[in-house]
Amino acid sequence: DHLEHWVKRLKRAPVQKMMVFVDNSGADIVLGIIPFVEEMLRMGSEVVLAANSRPALNDVTSHELRLLIRKITPMSPILVDAHKNDKLRVIENGLGSPCLDLSRVSQHIADECIDCDLIVIEGMGRTIHTNFNSCFQRESLKLAVIKNKWLCDKFSCPMFAAVCKYEVPDTQWGADD
């Protein structure tokens, strides 16, 4: 759990641009990602949301996410401003799986990531199953909720434990961090 490192990071210079690989539709998006994105926009970040191109389990597709963003934007002056100034975009990740194989994303995704400060991967399949130990050349934030007994046993945690793994390239967290 690196939540305290992430909170400290938020107190420094704002993230200029972030790529968020989103997971499930419903509560994850509406109650988790949208408020997170709204706060990052308020702090001055540009946000790109990458969602599945094709349906998989209960994962949100880019088409569904665009519809959702269009519906909720009028409810928030921050989202209205971000939409008007192209600071919030939804793009397809080129995939149709609950897992995130970053070697198979579209060229458009790769191009969007070039100038990102922060890569956010959200969801158990994307974060835990396929990218937990992935290293990036950018800051990364991996977020998930553990929802099966095998992973609970592996991580020695209770069911529905939250995972917040914040990493900075070439950084070893010290005692004072």
C-alpha atoms as a PDB file:
ATOM      1  CA  ASP A   1       0.000   0.000   0.000  1.00  0.00           C
ATOM      2  CA  HIS A   2       1.605   3.215  -1.197  1.00  0.00           C
ATOM      3  CA  LEU A   3      -1.319   5.515  -0.474  1.00  0.00           C
ATOM      4  CA  GLU A   4       0.791   7.805   1.705  1.00  0.00           C
ATOM      5  CA  HIS A   5       3.327   8.221  -1.144  1.00  0.00           C
ATOM      6  CA  TRP A   6       0.533   9.109  -3.562  1.00  0.00           C
ATOM      7  CA  VAL A   7      -0.943  11.647  -1.128  1.00  0.00           C
ATOM      8  CA  LYS A   8       2.501  13.267  -0.775  1.00  0.00           C
ATOM      9  CA  ARG A   9       2.811  13.325  -4.571  1.00  0.00           C
ATOM     10  CA  LEU A  10      -0.469  15.229  -4.858  1.00  0.00           C
ATOM     11  CA  LYS A  11       0.990  18.021  -2.721  1.00  0.00           C
ATOM     12  CA  ARG A  12       3.810  18.639  -5.222  1.00  0.00           C
ATOM     13  CA  ALA A  13       3.574  20.019  -8.752  1.00  0.00           C
ATOM     14  CA  PRO A  14       0.423  18.857 -10.538  1.00  0.00           C
ATOM     15  CA  VAL A  15       0.447  16.000 -13.003  1.00  0.00           C
ATOM     16  CA  GLN A  16       0.436  17.573 -16.468  1.00  0.00           C
ATOM     17  CA  LYS A  17      -1.046  14.633 -18.359  1.00  0.00           C
ATOM     18  CA  MET A  18      -2.279  11.254 -17.207  1.00  0.00           C
ATOM     19  CA  MET A  19      -3.483   8.131 -18.989  1.00  0.00           C
ATOM     20  CA  VAL A  20      -6.086   6.144 -17.055  1.00  0.00           C
ATOM     21  CA  PHE A  21      -6.746   2.557 -18.133  1.00  0.00           C
ATOM     22  CA  VAL A  22     -10.254   2.043 -16.753  1.00  0.00           C
ATOM     23  CA  ASP A  23     -11.886  -1.226 -15.792  1.00  0.00           C
ATOM     24  CA  ASN A  24     -15.439  -2.025 -14.758  1.00  0.00           C
ATOM     25  CA  SER A  25     -18.547  -0.136 -15.591  1.00  0.00           C
ATOM     26  CA  GLY A  26     -20.901   0.902 -12.836  1.00  0.00           C
ATOM     27  CA  ALA A  27     -19.609   1.766  -9.388  1.00  0.00           C
ATOM     28  CA  ASP A  28     -15.907   1.674 -10.327  1.00  0.00           C
ATOM     29  CA  ILE A  29     -16.419   4.343 -12.980  1.00  0.00           C
ATOM     30  CA  VAL A  30     -19.186   6.435 -11.436  1.00  0.00           C
ATOM     31  CA  LEU A  31     -18.077   6.402  -7.793  1.00  0.00           C
ATOM     32  CA  GLY A  32     -14.333   5.941  -8.259  1.00  0.00           C
ATOM     33  CA  ILE A  33     -12.803   7.047 -11.528  1.00  0.00           C
ATOM     34  CA  ILE A  34     -15.047  10.032 -12.341  1.00  0.00           C
ATOM     35  CA  PRO A  35     -14.496  11.775  -8.962  1.00  0.00           C
ATOM     36  CA  PHE A  36     -10.751  10.980  -9.185  1.00  0.00           C
ATOM     37  CA  VAL A  37     -10.591  12.402 -12.721  1.00  0.00           C
ATOM     38  CA  GLU A  38     -12.584  15.466 -11.696  1.00  0.00           C
ATOM     39  CA  GLU A  39     -10.128  16.165  -8.869  1.00  0.00           C
ATOM     40  CA  MET A  40      -7.120  15.730 -11.153  1.00  0.00           C
ATOM     41  CA  LEU A  41      -8.714  18.094 -13.691  1.00  0.00           C
ATOM     42  CA  ARG A  42      -9.347  20.609 -10.909  1.00  0.00           C
ATOM     43  CA  MET A  43      -5.622  20.436 -10.111  1.00  0.00           C
ATOM     44  CA  GLY A  44      -4.778  21.242 -13.751  1.00  0.00           C
ATOM     45  CA  SER A  45      -4.133  17.812 -15.264  1.00  0.00           C
ATOM     46  CA  GLU A  46      -5.062  16.711 -18.745  1.00  0.00           C
ATOM     47  CA  VAL A  47      -6.767  13.298 -18.520  1.00  0.00           C
ATOM     48  CA  VAL A  48      -7.055  10.604 -21.161  1.00  0.00           C
ATOM     49  CA  LEU A  49      -9.355   7.704 -20.281  1.00  0.00           C
ATOM     50  CA  ALA A  50      -8.559   4.478 -22.143  1.00  0.00           C
ATOM     51  CA  ALA A  51     -11.368   1.927 -22.178  1.00  0.00           C
ATOM     52  CA  ASN A  52     -11.912  -1.390 -23.939  1.00  0.00           C
ATOM     53  CA  SER A  53     -12.675  -1.271 -27.642  1.00  0.00           C
ATOM     54  CA  ARG A  54     -14.775  -4.433 -27.375  1.00  0.00           C
ATOM     55  CA  PRO A  55     -16.968  -5.795 -24.548  1.00  0.00           C
ATOM     56  CA  ALA A  56     -15.478  -8.127 -21.931  1.00  0.00           C
ATOM     57  CA  LEU A  57     -17.312  -9.325 -18.819  1.00  0.00           C
ATOM     58  CA  ASN A  58     -18.577  -6.165 -17.121  1.00  0.00           C
ATOM     59  CA  ASP A  59     -15.817  -3.859 -18.369  1.00  0.00           C
ATOM     60  CA  VAL A  60     -16.857  -0.519 -19.758  1.00  0.00           C
ATOM     61  CA  THR A  61     -16.257   0.040 -23.460  1.00  0.00           C
ATOM     62  CA  SER A  62     -14.983   3.302 -24.884  1.00  0.00           C
ATOM     63  CA  HIS A  63     -18.375   3.837 -26.552  1.00  0.00           C
ATOM     64  CA  GLU A  64     -20.206   3.409 -23.218  1.00  0.00           C
ATOM     65  CA  LEU A  65     -17.704   5.639 -21.431  1.00  0.00           C
ATOM     66  CA  ARG A  66     -18.146   8.421 -24.009  1.00  0.00           C
ATOM     67  CA  LEU A  67     -21.918   8.234 -23.467  1.00  0.00           C
ATOM     68  CA  LEU A  68     -21.480   8.376 -19.695  1.00  0.00           C
ATOM     69  CA  ILE A  69     -19.094  11.337 -19.872  1.00  0.00           C
ATOM     70  CA  ARG A  70     -21.508  13.159 -22.195  1.00  0.00           C
ATOM     71  CA  LYS A  71     -24.363  12.599 -19.705  1.00  0.00           C
ATOM     72  CA  ILE A  72     -22.487  13.675 -16.559  1.00  0.00           C
ATOM     73  CA  THR A  73     -20.464  16.569 -17.997  1.00  0.00           C
ATOM     74  CA  PRO A  74     -23.306  19.127 -17.599  1.00  0.00           C
ATOM     75  CA  MET A  75     -23.427  18.287 -13.871  1.00  0.00           C
ATOM     76  CA  SER A  76     -19.906  19.555 -13.202  1.00  0.00           C
ATOM     77  CA  PRO A  77     -18.369  22.907 -14.177  1.00  0.00           C
ATOM     78  CA  ILE A  78     -14.958  21.233 -14.003  1.00  0.00           C
ATOM     79  CA  LEU A  79     -15.998  18.587 -16.554  1.00  0.00           C
ATOM     80  CA  VAL A  80     -17.657  21.208 -18.765  1.00  0.00           C
ATOM     81  CA  ASP A  81     -14.441  23.246 -18.819  1.00  0.00           C
ATOM     82  CA  ALA A  82     -12.276  20.153 -19.411  1.00  0.00           C
ATOM     83  CA  HIS A  83     -14.478  19.032 -22.291  1.00  0.00           C
ATOM     84  CA  LYS A  84     -14.483  22.505 -23.856  1.00  0.00           C
ATOM     85  CA  ASN A  85     -10.672  22.769 -23.606  1.00  0.00           C
ATOM     86  CA  ASP A  86      -9.951  19.165 -24.698  1.00  0.00           C
ATOM     87  CA  LYS A  87      -8.477  18.337 -21.266  1.00  0.00           C
ATOM     88  CA  LEU A  88     -10.615  15.204 -20.893  1.00  0.00           C
ATOM     89  CA  ARG A  89     -10.739  12.607 -23.649  1.00  0.00           C
ATOM     90  CA  VAL A  90     -11.893   9.013 -23.999  1.00  0.00           C
ATOM     91  CA  ILE A  91     -10.024   6.717 -26.362  1.00  0.00           C
ATOM     92  CA  GLU A  92     -10.147   3.024 -27.210  1.00  0.00           C
ATOM     93  CA  ASN A  93      -7.405   0.811 -25.810  1.00  0.00           C
ATOM     94  CA  GLY A  94      -7.683  -1.556 -28.780  1.00  0.00           C
ATOM     95  CA  LEU A  95      -8.485  -4.513 -26.508  1.00  0.00           C
ATOM     96  CA  GLY A  96     -11.478  -6.599 -25.462  1.00  0.00           C
ATOM     97  CA  SER A  97     -10.275  -8.266 -22.274  1.00  0.00           C
ATOM     98  CA  PRO A  98     -10.452  -7.647 -18.517  1.00  0.00           C
ATOM     99  CA  CYS A  99      -6.664  -7.899 -18.545  1.00  0.00           C
ATOM    100  CA  LEU A 100      -4.360  -5.259 -19.989  1.00  0.00           C
ATOM    101  CA  ASP A 101      -1.612  -6.481 -22.267  1.00  0.00           C
ATOM    102  CA  LEU A 102       0.363  -3.309 -22.895  1.00  0.00           C
ATOM    103  CA  SER A 103       2.314  -4.993 -25.691  1.00  0.00           C
ATOM    104  CA  ARG A 104      -0.918  -5.121 -27.703  1.00  0.00           C
ATOM    105  CA  VAL A 105      -2.327  -1.610 -27.331  1.00  0.00           C
ATOM    106  CA  SER A 106      -2.965   0.495 -30.390  1.00  0.00           C
ATOM    107  CA  GLN A 107      -0.397   2.891 -31.816  1.00  0.00           C
ATOM    108  CA  HIS A 108      -2.746   5.708 -30.803  1.00  0.00           C
ATOM    109  CA  ILE A 109      -2.486   4.639 -27.140  1.00  0.00           C
ATOM    110  CA  ALA A 110       1.296   4.380 -27.379  1.00  0.00           C
ATOM    111  CA  ASP A 111       1.471   7.858 -28.931  1.00  0.00           C
ATOM    112  CA  GLU A 112      -0.777   9.321 -26.213  1.00  0.00           C
ATOM    113  CA  CYS A 113       1.474   7.848 -23.507  1.00  0.00           C
ATOM    114  CA  ILE A 114       4.648   9.468 -24.839  1.00  0.00           C
ATOM    115  CA  ASP A 115       4.033  12.778 -23.074  1.00  0.00           C
ATOM    116  CA  CYS A 116       2.183  11.413 -20.023  1.00  0.00           C
ATOM    117  CA  ASP A 117       3.536  12.077 -16.557  1.00  0.00           C
ATOM    118  CA  LEU A 118       1.373   9.424 -14.935  1.00  0.00           C
ATOM    119  CA  ILE A 119      -0.020   6.050 -15.999  1.00  0.00           C
ATOM    120  CA  VAL A 120      -2.999   4.850 -13.943  1.00  0.00           C
ATOM    121  CA  ILE A 121      -4.141   1.247 -14.188  1.00  0.00           C
ATOM    122  CA  GLU A 122      -7.411   0.476 -12.469  1.00  0.00           C
ATOM    123  CA  GLY A 123      -9.064  -2.852 -11.732  1.00  0.00           C
ATOM    124  CA  MET A 124      -8.117  -6.295 -10.492  1.00  0.00           C
ATOM    125  CA  GLY A 125      -7.525  -7.872 -13.920  1.00  0.00           C
ATOM    126  CA  ARG A 126      -5.511  -4.970 -15.280  1.00  0.00           C
ATOM    127  CA  THR A 127      -3.618  -4.160 -12.105  1.00  0.00           C
ATOM    128  CA  ILE A 128      -3.120  -7.391 -10.190  1.00  0.00           C
ATOM    129  CA  HIS A 129      -3.296 -10.142 -12.804  1.00  0.00           C
ATOM    130  CA  THR A 130      -1.361  -8.499 -15.635  1.00  0.00           C
ATOM    131  CA  ASN A 131       0.573  -5.404 -14.501  1.00  0.00           C
ATOM    132  CA  PHE A 132       1.307  -5.603 -10.787  1.00  0.00           C
ATOM    133  CA  ASN A 133       5.052  -5.962 -11.347  1.00  0.00           C
ATOM    134  CA  SER A 134       5.236  -3.964 -14.580  1.00  0.00           C
ATOM    135  CA  CYS A 135       7.779  -1.157 -14.518  1.00  0.00           C
ATOM    136  CA  PHE A 136       7.189   2.064 -16.394  1.00  0.00           C
ATOM    137  CA  GLN A 137       9.348   4.978 -17.453  1.00  0.00           C
ATOM    138  CA  ARG A 138       6.703   7.275 -15.967  1.00  0.00           C
ATOM    139  CA  GLU A 139       5.102   7.544 -12.574  1.00  0.00           C
ATOM    140  CA  SER A 140       2.422   4.899 -12.207  1.00  0.00           C
ATOM    141  CA  LEU A 141      -0.538   4.360  -9.953  1.00  0.00           C
ATOM    142  CA  LYS A 142      -2.051   0.884  -9.820  1.00  0.00           C
ATOM    143  CA  LEU A 143      -5.450   0.634  -8.139  1.00  0.00           C
ATOM    144  CA  ALA A 144      -7.581  -2.424  -7.452  1.00  0.00           C
ATOM    145  CA  VAL A 145      -9.822  -4.201  -4.998  1.00  0.00           C
ATOM    146  CA  ILE A 146      -8.966  -7.830  -4.209  1.00  0.00           C
ATOM    147  CA  LYS A 147     -12.085  -9.858  -4.959  1.00  0.00           C
ATOM    148  CA  ASN A 148     -11.098 -13.508  -4.822  1.00  0.00           C
ATOM    149  CA  LYS A 149      -9.830 -15.859  -2.141  1.00  0.00           C
ATOM    150  CA  TRP A 150      -6.727 -16.994  -4.058  1.00  0.00           C
ATOM    151  CA  LEU A 151      -5.427 -13.413  -4.281  1.00  0.00           C
ATOM    152  CA  CYS A 152      -6.381 -12.742  -0.658  1.00  0.00           C
ATOM    153  CA  ASP A 153      -4.253 -15.714   0.347  1.00  0.00           C
ATOM    154  CA  LYS A 154      -1.388 -14.652  -1.937  1.00  0.00           C
ATOM    155  CA  PHE A 155      -1.335 -11.086  -0.559  1.00  0.00           C
ATOM    156  CA  SER A 156      -2.297 -12.075   3.009  1.00  0.00           C
ATOM    157  CA  CYS A 157      -5.179  -9.643   3.018  1.00  0.00           C
ATOM    158  CA  PRO A 158      -8.896  -9.728   3.659  1.00  0.00           C
ATOM    159  CA  MET A 159     -11.489  -9.983   0.906  1.00  0.00           C
ATOM    160  CA  PHE A 160     -12.168  -6.583  -0.711  1.00  0.00           C
ATOM    161  CA  ALA A 161      -8.859  -5.109   0.427  1.00  0.00           C
ATOM    162  CA  ALA A 162      -7.834  -2.070  -1.610  1.00  0.00           C
ATOM    163  CA  VAL A 163      -4.526  -1.958  -3.463  1.00  0.00           C
ATOM    164  CA  CYS A 164      -2.781   1.348  -4.114  1.00  0.00           C
ATOM    165  CA  LYS A 165       0.647   0.888  -5.677  1.00  0.00           C
ATOM    166  CA  TYR A 166       2.314   4.187  -6.580  1.00  0.00           C
ATOM    167  CA  GLU A 167       5.714   3.965  -8.238  1.00  0.00           C
ATOM    168  CA  VAL A 168       8.271   6.421  -9.535  1.00  0.00           C
ATOM    169  CA  PRO A 169      10.906   5.119 -11.978  1.00  0.00           C
ATOM    170  CA  ASP A 170      14.267   4.325 -10.387  1.00  0.00           C
ATOM    171  CA  THR A 171      13.068   5.181  -6.890  1.00  0.00           C
ATOM    172  CA  GLN A 172      13.449   3.092  -3.791  1.00  0.00           C
ATOM    173  CA  TRP A 173      11.168   4.379  -1.047  1.00  0.00           C
ATOM    174  CA  GLY A 174      13.154   5.444   1.968  1.00  0.00           C
ATOM    175  CA  ALA A 175      12.098   5.549   5.585  1.00  0.00           C
ATOM    176  CA  ASP A 176      11.267   9.266   5.298  1.00  0.00           C
ATOM    177  CA  ASP A 177       9.129   8.956   2.157  1.00  0.00           C
END
